[in-house]
């Protein structure tokens, strides 16, 4: 089969190589999947650079979430050949490949309401949003939610989930095109980080109160601005640092303004609260069936275009989710 592999750390476009490798076989408790769609995530770029908290041995195949079709079932594994499922291929053998082996206990049915690309995109990004907004921040109907990178893959999910929860959503995006896309997702207002005063804009939109909940996958300056316009007893959800700078919170400021800073690493729930992950998947499947959430797909690329797609995400040049579709002949 064909698979992308990283032999040395560096920028994705420079270090990812499309190679012929032996077809994998499922072991006990595993499933062999044909990869129908593999979502591109910012951590894929960090993995290539060697900057992620997990550093798989070299060479490795990036791609942390897929929608796949079961081709074979290993000894003792639960699964049906032909089933369409969502899965996380365990590194070092990730999902940017034609085939993948996954642990049967971790797969979930792909939502019937979504095509392969949409199903792949519903997984980690939307689960992160659901846990962040509901389990960590306890977002309430009528509260104001500020979402950074609102036109991106992670931010667009938070916008849709916030609206589904009955919140008033203010998005932040970079540039006129992304502002327009964020508005189309349902934001009640959108601020352009390149031209608008974010702090003043949030305070004006909330009558001086500020945002009750901030969803921040960017870090750096986005975090600094957020805590200047957070409401009394507000909650800042730290999701990631796509901006490249890890902020250092001033605890005296947290104390003076009575707000909370909440960390969110979705992967921990797989080991510490797997039942909650299952519940989350069921809720997201219902929302997709109702048409309340619809992953924003910024592009579908063939397997040969995966390295370029990861680089575009790394450079912040993508909108919504880029999805690698191994069966596709041409990028769309």
C-alpha atoms as a PDB file:
ATOM      1  CA  UNK A   1       0.000   0.000   0.000  1.00  0.00           C
ATOM      2  CA  UNK A   2       0.946   3.677  -0.194  1.00  0.00           C
ATOM      3  CA  UNK A   3       1.565   5.609   3.005  1.00  0.00           C
ATOM      4  CA  UNK A   4       3.136   8.923   3.958  1.00  0.00           C
ATOM      5  CA  UNK A   5       6.114   8.541   6.265  1.00  0.00           C
ATOM      6  CA  UNK A   6       8.304  10.950   8.207  1.00  0.00           C
ATOM      7  CA  UNK A   7      11.956   9.904   8.531  1.00  0.00           C
ATOM      8  CA  UNK A   8      13.288  13.092  10.124  1.00  0.00           C
ATOM      9  CA  UNK A   9      11.658  16.036  11.848  1.00  0.00           C
ATOM     10  CA  UNK A  10      10.998  19.299  10.055  1.00  0.00           C
ATOM     11  CA  UNK A  11       8.352  21.156   8.077  1.00  0.00           C
ATOM     12  CA  UNK A  12       5.649  18.779   6.770  1.00  0.00           C
ATOM     13  CA  UNK A  13       6.154  19.536   3.095  1.00  0.00           C
ATOM     14  CA  UNK A  14       9.884  18.858   3.440  1.00  0.00           C
ATOM     15  CA  UNK A  15       9.857  15.699   5.558  1.00  0.00           C
ATOM     16  CA  UNK A  16       6.720  13.769   4.529  1.00  0.00           C
ATOM     17  CA  UNK A  17       7.386  11.115   1.859  1.00  0.00           C
ATOM     18  CA  UNK A  18       4.809   9.008   0.024  1.00  0.00           C
ATOM     19  CA  UNK A  19       6.159   5.459   0.002  1.00  0.00           C
ATOM     20  CA  UNK A  20       5.190   1.895  -0.800  1.00  0.00           C
ATOM     21  CA  UNK A  21       5.031  -0.162   2.393  1.00  0.00           C
ATOM     22  CA  UNK A  22       3.744  -3.670   3.180  1.00  0.00           C
ATOM     23  CA  UNK A  23       0.014  -3.998   3.768  1.00  0.00           C
ATOM     24  CA  UNK A  24      -0.702  -4.172   7.509  1.00  0.00           C
ATOM     25  CA  UNK A  25      -2.536  -7.086   9.082  1.00  0.00           C
ATOM     26  CA  UNK A  26      -4.840  -6.927  12.091  1.00  0.00           C
ATOM     27  CA  UNK A  27      -3.650  -8.607  15.263  1.00  0.00           C
ATOM     28  CA  UNK A  28      -5.799  -9.801  18.168  1.00  0.00           C
ATOM     29  CA  UNK A  29      -8.378  -7.186  19.114  1.00  0.00           C
ATOM     30  CA  UNK A  30      -7.679  -5.115  15.994  1.00  0.00           C
ATOM     31  CA  UNK A  31      -9.453  -4.147  12.790  1.00  0.00           C
ATOM     32  CA  UNK A  32      -8.004  -3.556   9.350  1.00  0.00           C
ATOM     33  CA  UNK A  33      -9.576  -0.501   7.719  1.00  0.00           C
ATOM     34  CA  UNK A  34      -9.565   0.915   4.244  1.00  0.00           C
ATOM     35  CA  UNK A  35      -9.050   4.633   4.782  1.00  0.00           C
ATOM     36  CA  UNK A  36     -11.952   6.502   3.196  1.00  0.00           C
ATOM     37  CA  UNK A  37     -11.078   9.922   4.618  1.00  0.00           C
ATOM     38  CA  UNK A  38      -8.321  11.191   6.927  1.00  0.00           C
ATOM     39  CA  UNK A  39      -8.752  14.544   8.622  1.00  0.00           C
ATOM     40  CA  UNK A  40      -5.781  16.936   8.768  1.00  0.00           C
ATOM     41  CA  UNK A  41      -5.153  18.352  12.246  1.00  0.00           C
ATOM     42  CA  UNK A  42      -2.651  20.896  13.538  1.00  0.00           C
ATOM     43  CA  UNK A  43      -1.036  18.177  15.704  1.00  0.00           C
ATOM     44  CA  UNK A  44      -0.040  16.428  12.453  1.00  0.00           C
ATOM     45  CA  UNK A  45       2.224  19.386  11.726  1.00  0.00           C
ATOM     46  CA  UNK A  46       3.564  19.365  15.280  1.00  0.00           C
ATOM     47  CA  UNK A  47       4.314  15.649  14.951  1.00  0.00           C
ATOM     48  CA  UNK A  48       6.293  16.303  11.783  1.00  0.00           C
ATOM     49  CA  UNK A  49       8.250  19.042  13.529  1.00  0.00           C
ATOM     50  CA  UNK A  50       8.840  16.914  16.625  1.00  0.00           C
ATOM     51  CA  UNK A  51       7.044  19.486  18.775  1.00  0.00           C
ATOM     52  CA  UNK A  52       4.029  17.440  19.877  1.00  0.00           C
ATOM     53  CA  UNK A  53       3.711  16.028  23.396  1.00  0.00           C
ATOM     54  CA  UNK A  54       3.834  12.563  21.832  1.00  0.00           C
ATOM     55  CA  UNK A  55       6.937  11.784  19.794  1.00  0.00           C
ATOM     56  CA  UNK A  56       6.511   8.527  17.849  1.00  0.00           C
ATOM     57  CA  UNK A  57       9.622   6.655  16.720  1.00  0.00           C
ATOM     58  CA  UNK A  58      10.910   7.436  13.234  1.00  0.00           C
ATOM     59  CA  UNK A  59       9.784   6.691  10.627  1.00  0.00           C
ATOM     60  CA  UNK A  60       6.102   7.245  11.340  1.00  0.00           C
ATOM     61  CA  UNK A  61       2.911   7.944   9.418  1.00  0.00           C
ATOM     62  CA  UNK A  62       0.934  11.041  10.513  1.00  0.00           C
ATOM     63  CA  UNK A  63      -2.860  11.186  10.528  1.00  0.00           C
ATOM     64  CA  UNK A  64      -4.653  10.932  13.854  1.00  0.00           C
ATOM     65  CA  UNK A  65      -8.295  10.478  12.836  1.00  0.00           C
ATOM     66  CA  UNK A  66     -10.019   8.711   9.973  1.00  0.00           C
ATOM     67  CA  UNK A  67     -13.282   7.469   8.595  1.00  0.00           C
ATOM     68  CA  UNK A  68     -12.708   3.961   7.339  1.00  0.00           C
ATOM     69  CA  UNK A  69     -14.326   0.762   6.105  1.00  0.00           C
ATOM     70  CA  UNK A  70     -13.664  -2.488   7.944  1.00  0.00           C
ATOM     71  CA  UNK A  71     -11.854  -4.945   5.683  1.00  0.00           C
ATOM     72  CA  UNK A  72     -10.787  -7.611   8.198  1.00  0.00           C
ATOM     73  CA  UNK A  73     -11.387  -8.458  11.849  1.00  0.00           C
ATOM     74  CA  UNK A  74      -8.586  -9.706  14.091  1.00  0.00           C
ATOM     75  CA  UNK A  75      -8.945 -12.543  16.582  1.00  0.00           C
ATOM     76  CA  UNK A  76     -11.272 -11.645  19.443  1.00  0.00           C
ATOM     77  CA  UNK A  77     -12.151  -8.233  17.991  1.00  0.00           C
ATOM     78  CA  UNK A  78     -15.701  -6.935  17.687  1.00  0.00           C
ATOM     79  CA  UNK A  79     -16.457  -5.601  14.224  1.00  0.00           C
ATOM     80  CA  UNK A  80     -18.275  -6.295  10.982  1.00  0.00           C
ATOM     81  CA  UNK A  81     -16.619  -6.346   7.570  1.00  0.00           C
ATOM     82  CA  UNK A  82     -18.001  -3.495   5.488  1.00  0.00           C
ATOM     83  CA  UNK A  83     -18.948  -1.294   8.440  1.00  0.00           C
ATOM     84  CA  UNK A  84     -18.117   2.410   8.157  1.00  0.00           C
ATOM     85  CA  UNK A  85     -16.421   3.625  11.327  1.00  0.00           C
ATOM     86  CA  UNK A  86     -14.500   6.486  12.930  1.00  0.00           C
ATOM     87  CA  UNK A  87     -11.106   5.589  14.358  1.00  0.00           C
ATOM     88  CA  UNK A  88      -7.781   6.890  15.616  1.00  0.00           C
ATOM     89  CA  UNK A  89      -4.935   4.830  14.150  1.00  0.00           C
ATOM     90  CA  UNK A  90      -2.321   4.417  16.899  1.00  0.00           C
ATOM     91  CA  UNK A  91       1.021   5.982  16.041  1.00  0.00           C
ATOM     92  CA  UNK A  92       3.508   5.332  14.590  1.00  0.00           C
ATOM     93  CA  UNK A  93       1.170   3.976  11.888  1.00  0.00           C
ATOM     94  CA  UNK A  94      -1.258   6.849  11.353  1.00  0.00           C
ATOM     95  CA  UNK A  95      -4.046   7.479   8.889  1.00  0.00           C
ATOM     96  CA  UNK A  96      -2.371   9.156   5.888  1.00  0.00           C
ATOM     97  CA  UNK A  97      -2.285   5.842   4.084  1.00  0.00           C
ATOM     98  CA  UNK A  98      -4.491   3.557   2.038  1.00  0.00           C
ATOM     99  CA  UNK A  99      -4.925   1.085   4.917  1.00  0.00           C
ATOM    100  CA  UNK A 100      -4.783   1.344   8.694  1.00  0.00           C
ATOM    101  CA  UNK A 101      -4.924  -1.007  11.665  1.00  0.00           C
ATOM    102  CA  UNK A 102      -6.829   0.203  14.728  1.00  0.00           C
ATOM    103  CA  UNK A 103      -7.876  -1.125  18.109  1.00  0.00           C
ATOM    104  CA  UNK A 104     -11.435  -2.413  17.787  1.00  0.00           C
ATOM    105  CA  UNK A 105     -12.404  -1.134  21.235  1.00  0.00           C
ATOM    106  CA  UNK A 106     -11.784   2.472  20.182  1.00  0.00           C
ATOM    107  CA  UNK A 107     -13.815   2.635  16.955  1.00  0.00           C
ATOM    108  CA  UNK A 108     -17.293   4.154  16.738  1.00  0.00           C
ATOM    109  CA  UNK A 109     -19.968   4.070  14.055  1.00  0.00           C
ATOM    110  CA  UNK A 110     -19.614   6.829  11.478  1.00  0.00           C
ATOM    111  CA  UNK A 111     -22.669   9.149  11.525  1.00  0.00           C
ATOM    112  CA  UNK A 112     -24.959   8.193   8.654  1.00  0.00           C
ATOM    113  CA  UNK A 113     -25.936  11.823   8.109  1.00  0.00           C
ATOM    114  CA  UNK A 114     -22.396  12.764   7.027  1.00  0.00           C
ATOM    115  CA  UNK A 115     -20.243  11.731   4.094  1.00  0.00           C
ATOM    116  CA  UNK A 116     -16.774  10.300   4.696  1.00  0.00           C
ATOM    117  CA  UNK A 117     -15.013  13.675   4.898  1.00  0.00           C
ATOM    118  CA  UNK A 118     -17.646  15.142   7.188  1.00  0.00           C
ATOM    119  CA  UNK A 119     -17.611  12.085   9.429  1.00  0.00           C
ATOM    120  CA  UNK A 120     -13.822  12.181   9.786  1.00  0.00           C
ATOM    121  CA  UNK A 121     -14.022  15.876  10.673  1.00  0.00           C
ATOM    122  CA  UNK A 122     -16.730  15.332  13.311  1.00  0.00           C
ATOM    123  CA  UNK A 123     -14.469  13.294  15.544  1.00  0.00           C
ATOM    124  CA  UNK A 124     -11.651  14.985  17.537  1.00  0.00           C
ATOM    125  CA  UNK A 125     -12.462  18.627  16.785  1.00  0.00           C
ATOM    126  CA  UNK A 126     -16.113  18.363  17.717  1.00  0.00           C
ATOM    127  CA  UNK A 127     -15.462  16.144  20.715  1.00  0.00           C
ATOM    128  CA  UNK A 128     -12.925  18.702  21.913  1.00  0.00           C
ATOM    129  CA  UNK A 129     -15.531  21.427  21.521  1.00  0.00           C
ATOM    130  CA  UNK A 130     -18.234  19.418  23.263  1.00  0.00           C
ATOM    131  CA  UNK A 131     -16.049  18.568  26.268  1.00  0.00           C
ATOM    132  CA  UNK A 132     -14.689  22.092  26.444  1.00  0.00           C
ATOM    133  CA  UNK A 133     -18.009  23.882  26.322  1.00  0.00           C
ATOM    134  CA  UNK A 134     -20.160  21.440  28.273  1.00  0.00           C
ATOM    135  CA  UNK A 135     -17.958  19.475  30.665  1.00  0.00           C
ATOM    136  CA  UNK A 136     -15.257  22.039  31.413  1.00  0.00           C
ATOM    137  CA  UNK A 137     -16.895  25.458  31.018  1.00  0.00           C
ATOM    138  CA  UNK A 138     -20.526  24.445  31.695  1.00  0.00           C
ATOM    139  CA  UNK A 139     -21.758  26.849  29.025  1.00  0.00           C
ATOM    140  CA  UNK A 140     -25.328  27.984  29.695  1.00  0.00           C
ATOM    141  CA  UNK A 141     -28.051  29.177  27.311  1.00  0.00           C
ATOM    142  CA  UNK A 142     -27.915  32.940  26.941  1.00  0.00           C
ATOM    143  CA  UNK A 143     -24.242  33.251  27.863  1.00  0.00           C
ATOM    144  CA  UNK A 144     -21.748  34.901  25.520  1.00  0.00           C
ATOM    145  CA  UNK A 145     -19.120  32.644  23.952  1.00  0.00           C
ATOM    146  CA  UNK A 146     -16.010  34.118  22.323  1.00  0.00           C
ATOM    147  CA  UNK A 147     -14.366  31.768  19.805  1.00  0.00           C
ATOM    148  CA  UNK A 148     -10.908  32.410  18.386  1.00  0.00           C
ATOM    149  CA  UNK A 149      -9.988  31.078  14.923  1.00  0.00           C
ATOM    150  CA  UNK A 150     -13.723  30.789  14.280  1.00  0.00           C
ATOM    151  CA  UNK A 151     -13.262  29.881  10.605  1.00  0.00           C
ATOM    152  CA  UNK A 152     -10.757  27.106  11.347  1.00  0.00           C
ATOM    153  CA  UNK A 153     -11.415  23.430  11.914  1.00  0.00           C
ATOM    154  CA  UNK A 154     -11.453  23.573  15.723  1.00  0.00           C
ATOM    155  CA  UNK A 155     -13.047  27.017  16.007  1.00  0.00           C
ATOM    156  CA  UNK A 156     -15.837  26.336  13.512  1.00  0.00           C
ATOM    157  CA  UNK A 157     -16.858  23.294  15.558  1.00  0.00           C
ATOM    158  CA  UNK A 158     -17.024  25.411  18.725  1.00  0.00           C
ATOM    159  CA  UNK A 159     -19.155  28.023  16.949  1.00  0.00           C
ATOM    160  CA  UNK A 160     -21.721  25.436  15.874  1.00  0.00           C
ATOM    161  CA  UNK A 161     -21.766  23.705  19.251  1.00  0.00           C
ATOM    162  CA  UNK A 162     -22.094  27.027  21.047  1.00  0.00           C
ATOM    163  CA  UNK A 163     -25.100  27.989  18.960  1.00  0.00           C
ATOM    164  CA  UNK A 164     -26.606  24.548  19.532  1.00  0.00           C
ATOM    165  CA  UNK A 165     -26.237  25.160  23.280  1.00  0.00           C
ATOM    166  CA  UNK A 166     -28.168  28.419  23.045  1.00  0.00           C
ATOM    167  CA  UNK A 167     -25.206  30.763  23.519  1.00  0.00           C
ATOM    168  CA  UNK A 168     -24.576  34.085  21.864  1.00  0.00           C
ATOM    169  CA  UNK A 169     -21.407  33.529  19.828  1.00  0.00           C
ATOM    170  CA  UNK A 170     -18.808  36.128  18.914  1.00  0.00           C
ATOM    171  CA  UNK A 171     -16.191  34.835  16.508  1.00  0.00           C
ATOM    172  CA  UNK A 172     -12.668  36.087  15.849  1.00  0.00           C
ATOM    173  CA  UNK A 173     -11.108  35.430  12.448  1.00  0.00           C
ATOM    174  CA  UNK A 174      -8.242  36.776  10.361  1.00  0.00           C
ATOM    175  CA  UNK A 175      -9.142  38.599   7.153  1.00  0.00           C
ATOM    176  CA  UNK A 176     -12.336  39.450   5.296  1.00  0.00           C
ATOM    177  CA  UNK A 177     -12.785  35.998   3.733  1.00  0.00           C
ATOM    178  CA  UNK A 178     -12.550  34.183   7.062  1.00  0.00           C
ATOM    179  CA  UNK A 179     -14.811  36.758   8.727  1.00  0.00           C
ATOM    180  CA  UNK A 180     -17.446  36.066   6.089  1.00  0.00           C
ATOM    181  CA  UNK A 181     -17.117  32.301   6.590  1.00  0.00           C
ATOM    182  CA  UNK A 182     -17.412  32.619  10.370  1.00  0.00           C
ATOM    183  CA  UNK A 183     -20.541  34.729   9.977  1.00  0.00           C
ATOM    184  CA  UNK A 184     -22.000  32.042   7.733  1.00  0.00           C
ATOM    185  CA  UNK A 185     -21.473  29.460  10.463  1.00  0.00           C
ATOM    186  CA  UNK A 186     -23.960  31.304  12.662  1.00  0.00           C
ATOM    187  CA  UNK A 187     -21.850  33.749  14.692  1.00  0.00           C
ATOM    188  CA  UNK A 188     -23.905  36.575  16.122  1.00  0.00           C
ATOM    189  CA  UNK A 189     -20.937  38.845  15.475  1.00  0.00           C
ATOM    190  CA  UNK A 190     -17.442  38.455  14.031  1.00  0.00           C
ATOM    191  CA  UNK A 191     -14.319  40.503  14.757  1.00  0.00           C
ATOM    192  CA  UNK A 192     -11.339  40.660  12.413  1.00  0.00           C
ATOM    193  CA  UNK A 193      -8.185  40.152  14.460  1.00  0.00           C
ATOM    194  CA  UNK A 194      -6.182  42.008  11.803  1.00  0.00           C
ATOM    195  CA  UNK A 195      -8.171  45.237  11.905  1.00  0.00           C
ATOM    196  CA  UNK A 196     -10.537  45.254  14.895  1.00  0.00           C
ATOM    197  CA  UNK A 197      -9.899  45.997  18.544  1.00  0.00           C
ATOM    198  CA  UNK A 198     -10.969  42.640  19.972  1.00  0.00           C
ATOM    199  CA  UNK A 199     -11.253  43.810  23.572  1.00  0.00           C
ATOM    200  CA  UNK A 200     -13.313  46.883  22.717  1.00  0.00           C
ATOM    201  CA  UNK A 201     -15.459  44.903  20.286  1.00  0.00           C
ATOM    202  CA  UNK A 202     -16.359  42.241  22.844  1.00  0.00           C
ATOM    203  CA  UNK A 203     -17.138  44.800  25.524  1.00  0.00           C
ATOM    204  CA  UNK A 204     -19.299  46.807  23.141  1.00  0.00           C
ATOM    205  CA  UNK A 205     -21.212  43.701  22.032  1.00  0.00           C
ATOM    206  CA  UNK A 206     -21.869  42.673  25.650  1.00  0.00           C
ATOM    207  CA  UNK A 207     -22.708  46.047  27.148  1.00  0.00           C
ATOM    208  CA  UNK A 208     -19.401  46.119  29.005  1.00  0.00           C
ATOM    209  CA  UNK A 209     -19.873  42.731  30.696  1.00  0.00           C
ATOM    210  CA  UNK A 210     -17.428  40.734  28.573  1.00  0.00           C
ATOM    211  CA  UNK A 211     -17.476  37.129  27.378  1.00  0.00           C
ATOM    212  CA  UNK A 212     -18.714  34.462  29.779  1.00  0.00           C
ATOM    213  CA  UNK A 213     -16.721  31.729  28.040  1.00  0.00           C
ATOM    214  CA  UNK A 214     -13.675  31.990  25.767  1.00  0.00           C
ATOM    215  CA  UNK A 215     -12.661  29.117  23.497  1.00  0.00           C
ATOM    216  CA  UNK A 216      -8.980  29.562  22.652  1.00  0.00           C
ATOM    217  CA  UNK A 217      -7.107  27.188  20.336  1.00  0.00           C
ATOM    218  CA  UNK A 218      -4.599  29.920  19.422  1.00  0.00           C
ATOM    219  CA  UNK A 219      -2.788  31.097  22.579  1.00  0.00           C
ATOM    220  CA  UNK A 220      -0.351  33.993  22.544  1.00  0.00           C
ATOM    221  CA  UNK A 221      -1.970  37.342  21.834  1.00  0.00           C
ATOM    222  CA  UNK A 222      -5.412  35.747  21.538  1.00  0.00           C
ATOM    223  CA  UNK A 223      -5.214  34.646  25.165  1.00  0.00           C
ATOM    224  CA  UNK A 224      -3.892  38.043  26.293  1.00  0.00           C
ATOM    225  CA  UNK A 225      -6.808  39.812  24.656  1.00  0.00           C
ATOM    226  CA  UNK A 226      -9.313  37.324  26.001  1.00  0.00           C
ATOM    227  CA  UNK A 227      -8.526  37.903  29.657  1.00  0.00           C
ATOM    228  CA  UNK A 228      -8.933  41.640  29.124  1.00  0.00           C
ATOM    229  CA  UNK A 229     -12.540  41.141  28.055  1.00  0.00           C
ATOM    230  CA  UNK A 230     -13.590  38.174  30.204  1.00  0.00           C
ATOM    231  CA  UNK A 231     -16.745  38.563  32.278  1.00  0.00           C
ATOM    232  CA  UNK A 232     -17.002  38.254  36.045  1.00  0.00           C
ATOM    233  CA  UNK A 233     -16.732  34.526  36.835  1.00  0.00           C
ATOM    234  CA  UNK A 234     -15.958  33.845  33.196  1.00  0.00           C
ATOM    235  CA  UNK A 235     -14.133  30.764  31.946  1.00  0.00           C
ATOM    236  CA  UNK A 236     -11.237  30.603  29.481  1.00  0.00           C
ATOM    237  CA  UNK A 237     -10.823  27.203  27.811  1.00  0.00           C
ATOM    238  CA  UNK A 238      -7.211  26.628  26.734  1.00  0.00           C
ATOM    239  CA  UNK A 239      -7.403  24.225  23.795  1.00  0.00           C
ATOM    240  CA  UNK A 240      -4.076  24.708  22.046  1.00  0.00           C
ATOM    241  CA  UNK A 241      -1.405  27.076  20.803  1.00  0.00           C
ATOM    242  CA  UNK A 242      -1.810  27.260  17.034  1.00  0.00           C
ATOM    243  CA  UNK A 243      -0.398  30.786  17.143  1.00  0.00           C
ATOM    244  CA  UNK A 244       2.951  29.338  18.203  1.00  0.00           C
ATOM    245  CA  UNK A 245       3.233  31.080  21.575  1.00  0.00           C
ATOM    246  CA  UNK A 246       2.330  29.483  24.891  1.00  0.00           C
ATOM    247  CA  UNK A 247       0.990  32.227  27.195  1.00  0.00           C
ATOM    248  CA  UNK A 248       2.017  32.569  30.825  1.00  0.00           C
ATOM    249  CA  UNK A 249      -1.130  33.402  32.836  1.00  0.00           C
ATOM    250  CA  UNK A 250      -0.767  36.055  35.534  1.00  0.00           C
ATOM    251  CA  UNK A 251      -2.411  34.464  38.560  1.00  0.00           C
ATOM    252  CA  UNK A 252      -2.885  37.826  40.254  1.00  0.00           C
ATOM    253  CA  UNK A 253      -5.043  38.834  37.280  1.00  0.00           C
ATOM    254  CA  UNK A 254      -7.108  35.648  37.627  1.00  0.00           C
ATOM    255  CA  UNK A 255      -7.671  36.501  41.279  1.00  0.00           C
ATOM    256  CA  UNK A 256      -8.553  40.163  40.712  1.00  0.00           C
ATOM    257  CA  UNK A 257     -11.103  39.448  37.963  1.00  0.00           C
ATOM    258  CA  UNK A 258     -12.548  36.199  39.365  1.00  0.00           C
ATOM    259  CA  UNK A 259     -12.262  34.104  36.203  1.00  0.00           C
ATOM    260  CA  UNK A 260     -11.137  30.535  35.615  1.00  0.00           C
ATOM    261  CA  UNK A 261      -8.539  29.168  33.220  1.00  0.00           C
ATOM    262  CA  UNK A 262      -9.465  25.632  32.173  1.00  0.00           C
ATOM    263  CA  UNK A 263      -7.158  23.228  30.380  1.00  0.00           C
ATOM    264  CA  UNK A 264      -8.546  20.776  27.846  1.00  0.00           C
ATOM    265  CA  UNK A 265      -6.664  17.799  26.430  1.00  0.00           C
ATOM    266  CA  UNK A 266      -9.313  15.634  24.786  1.00  0.00           C
ATOM    267  CA  UNK A 267      -7.116  12.551  24.531  1.00  0.00           C
ATOM    268  CA  UNK A 268      -7.122  12.090  28.312  1.00  0.00           C
ATOM    269  CA  UNK A 269     -10.840  11.317  28.261  1.00  0.00           C
ATOM    270  CA  UNK A 270     -10.175   8.191  26.187  1.00  0.00           C
ATOM    271  CA  UNK A 271      -8.316   6.635  29.113  1.00  0.00           C
ATOM    272  CA  UNK A 272      -9.825   8.386  32.130  1.00  0.00           C
ATOM    273  CA  UNK A 273     -13.481   8.719  31.110  1.00  0.00           C
ATOM    274  CA  UNK A 274     -14.210   6.467  28.093  1.00  0.00           C
ATOM    275  CA  UNK A 275     -17.924   6.319  28.916  1.00  0.00           C
ATOM    276  CA  UNK A 276     -18.082  10.109  28.575  1.00  0.00           C
ATOM    277  CA  UNK A 277     -16.448   9.868  25.144  1.00  0.00           C
ATOM    278  CA  UNK A 278     -19.119   7.393  24.069  1.00  0.00           C
ATOM    279  CA  UNK A 279     -21.872   9.700  25.340  1.00  0.00           C
ATOM    280  CA  UNK A 280     -20.293  12.618  23.510  1.00  0.00           C
ATOM    281  CA  UNK A 281     -20.194  10.644  20.247  1.00  0.00           C
ATOM    282  CA  UNK A 282     -23.873   9.789  20.604  1.00  0.00           C
ATOM    283  CA  UNK A 283     -24.761  13.438  21.203  1.00  0.00           C
ATOM    284  CA  UNK A 284     -22.744  14.614  18.223  1.00  0.00           C
ATOM    285  CA  UNK A 285     -24.312  11.948  16.015  1.00  0.00           C
ATOM    286  CA  UNK A 286     -27.763  13.219  17.010  1.00  0.00           C
ATOM    287  CA  UNK A 287     -26.800  16.832  16.290  1.00  0.00           C
ATOM    288  CA  UNK A 288     -25.460  15.813  12.872  1.00  0.00           C
ATOM    289  CA  UNK A 289     -28.665  13.907  12.088  1.00  0.00           C
ATOM    290  CA  UNK A 290     -30.675  16.997  13.030  1.00  0.00           C
ATOM    291  CA  UNK A 291     -28.502  19.171  10.796  1.00  0.00           C
ATOM    292  CA  UNK A 292     -27.507  21.323  13.775  1.00  0.00           C
ATOM    293  CA  UNK A 293     -23.801  20.693  13.208  1.00  0.00           C
ATOM    294  CA  UNK A 294     -22.208  20.330   9.794  1.00  0.00           C
ATOM    295  CA  UNK A 295     -18.411  20.149   9.633  1.00  0.00           C
ATOM    296  CA  UNK A 296     -16.900  22.903   7.531  1.00  0.00           C
ATOM    297  CA  UNK A 297     -14.817  21.149   4.873  1.00  0.00           C
ATOM    298  CA  UNK A 298     -12.328  23.564   3.379  1.00  0.00           C
ATOM    299  CA  UNK A 299     -11.013  21.076   0.850  1.00  0.00           C
ATOM    300  CA  UNK A 300     -10.732  17.433  -0.127  1.00  0.00           C
ATOM    301  CA  UNK A 301      -7.353  16.326  -1.438  1.00  0.00           C
ATOM    302  CA  UNK A 302      -6.102  12.997  -2.827  1.00  0.00           C
ATOM    303  CA  UNK A 303      -3.548  10.977  -0.898  1.00  0.00           C
ATOM    304  CA  UNK A 304      -0.752  12.505  -2.987  1.00  0.00           C
ATOM    305  CA  UNK A 305      -1.692  15.961  -1.661  1.00  0.00           C
ATOM    306  CA  UNK A 306      -1.450  15.142   2.057  1.00  0.00           C
ATOM    307  CA  UNK A 307       1.939  16.775   2.710  1.00  0.00           C
ATOM    308  CA  UNK A 308       0.831  20.026   1.113  1.00  0.00           C
ATOM    309  CA  UNK A 309      -2.430  19.933   3.094  1.00  0.00           C
ATOM    310  CA  UNK A 310      -0.595  19.485   6.408  1.00  0.00           C
ATOM    311  CA  UNK A 311       1.720  22.381   5.512  1.00  0.00           C
ATOM    312  CA  UNK A 312      -1.262  24.622   4.705  1.00  0.00           C
ATOM    313  CA  UNK A 313      -2.757  23.888   8.110  1.00  0.00           C
ATOM    314  CA  UNK A 314       0.608  24.480   9.781  1.00  0.00           C
ATOM    315  CA  UNK A 315       0.926  27.866   8.053  1.00  0.00           C
ATOM    316  CA  UNK A 316      -2.633  28.935   8.910  1.00  0.00           C
ATOM    317  CA  UNK A 317      -3.673  29.036   5.250  1.00  0.00           C
ATOM    318  CA  UNK A 318      -6.680  26.739   5.536  1.00  0.00           C
ATOM    319  CA  UNK A 319     -10.357  27.256   6.241  1.00  0.00           C
ATOM    320  CA  UNK A 320     -12.352  24.629   8.121  1.00  0.00           C
ATOM    321  CA  UNK A 321     -11.030  21.117   7.734  1.00  0.00           C
ATOM    322  CA  UNK A 322      -8.769  19.810   4.995  1.00  0.00           C
ATOM    323  CA  UNK A 323      -9.466  16.125   4.462  1.00  0.00           C
ATOM    324  CA  UNK A 324      -7.311  13.559   2.678  1.00  0.00           C
ATOM    325  CA  UNK A 325      -9.441  11.216   0.584  1.00  0.00           C
ATOM    326  CA  UNK A 326      -7.226   8.349  -0.680  1.00  0.00           C
ATOM    327  CA  UNK A 327      -9.737   7.297  -3.309  1.00  0.00           C
ATOM    328  CA  UNK A 328     -10.004  10.766  -4.847  1.00  0.00           C
ATOM    329  CA  UNK A 329      -8.406  11.360  -8.196  1.00  0.00           C
ATOM    330  CA  UNK A 330      -8.072  15.113  -8.025  1.00  0.00           C
ATOM    331  CA  UNK A 331      -8.211  17.798  -5.327  1.00  0.00           C
ATOM    332  CA  UNK A 332     -11.532  19.615  -4.995  1.00  0.00           C
END
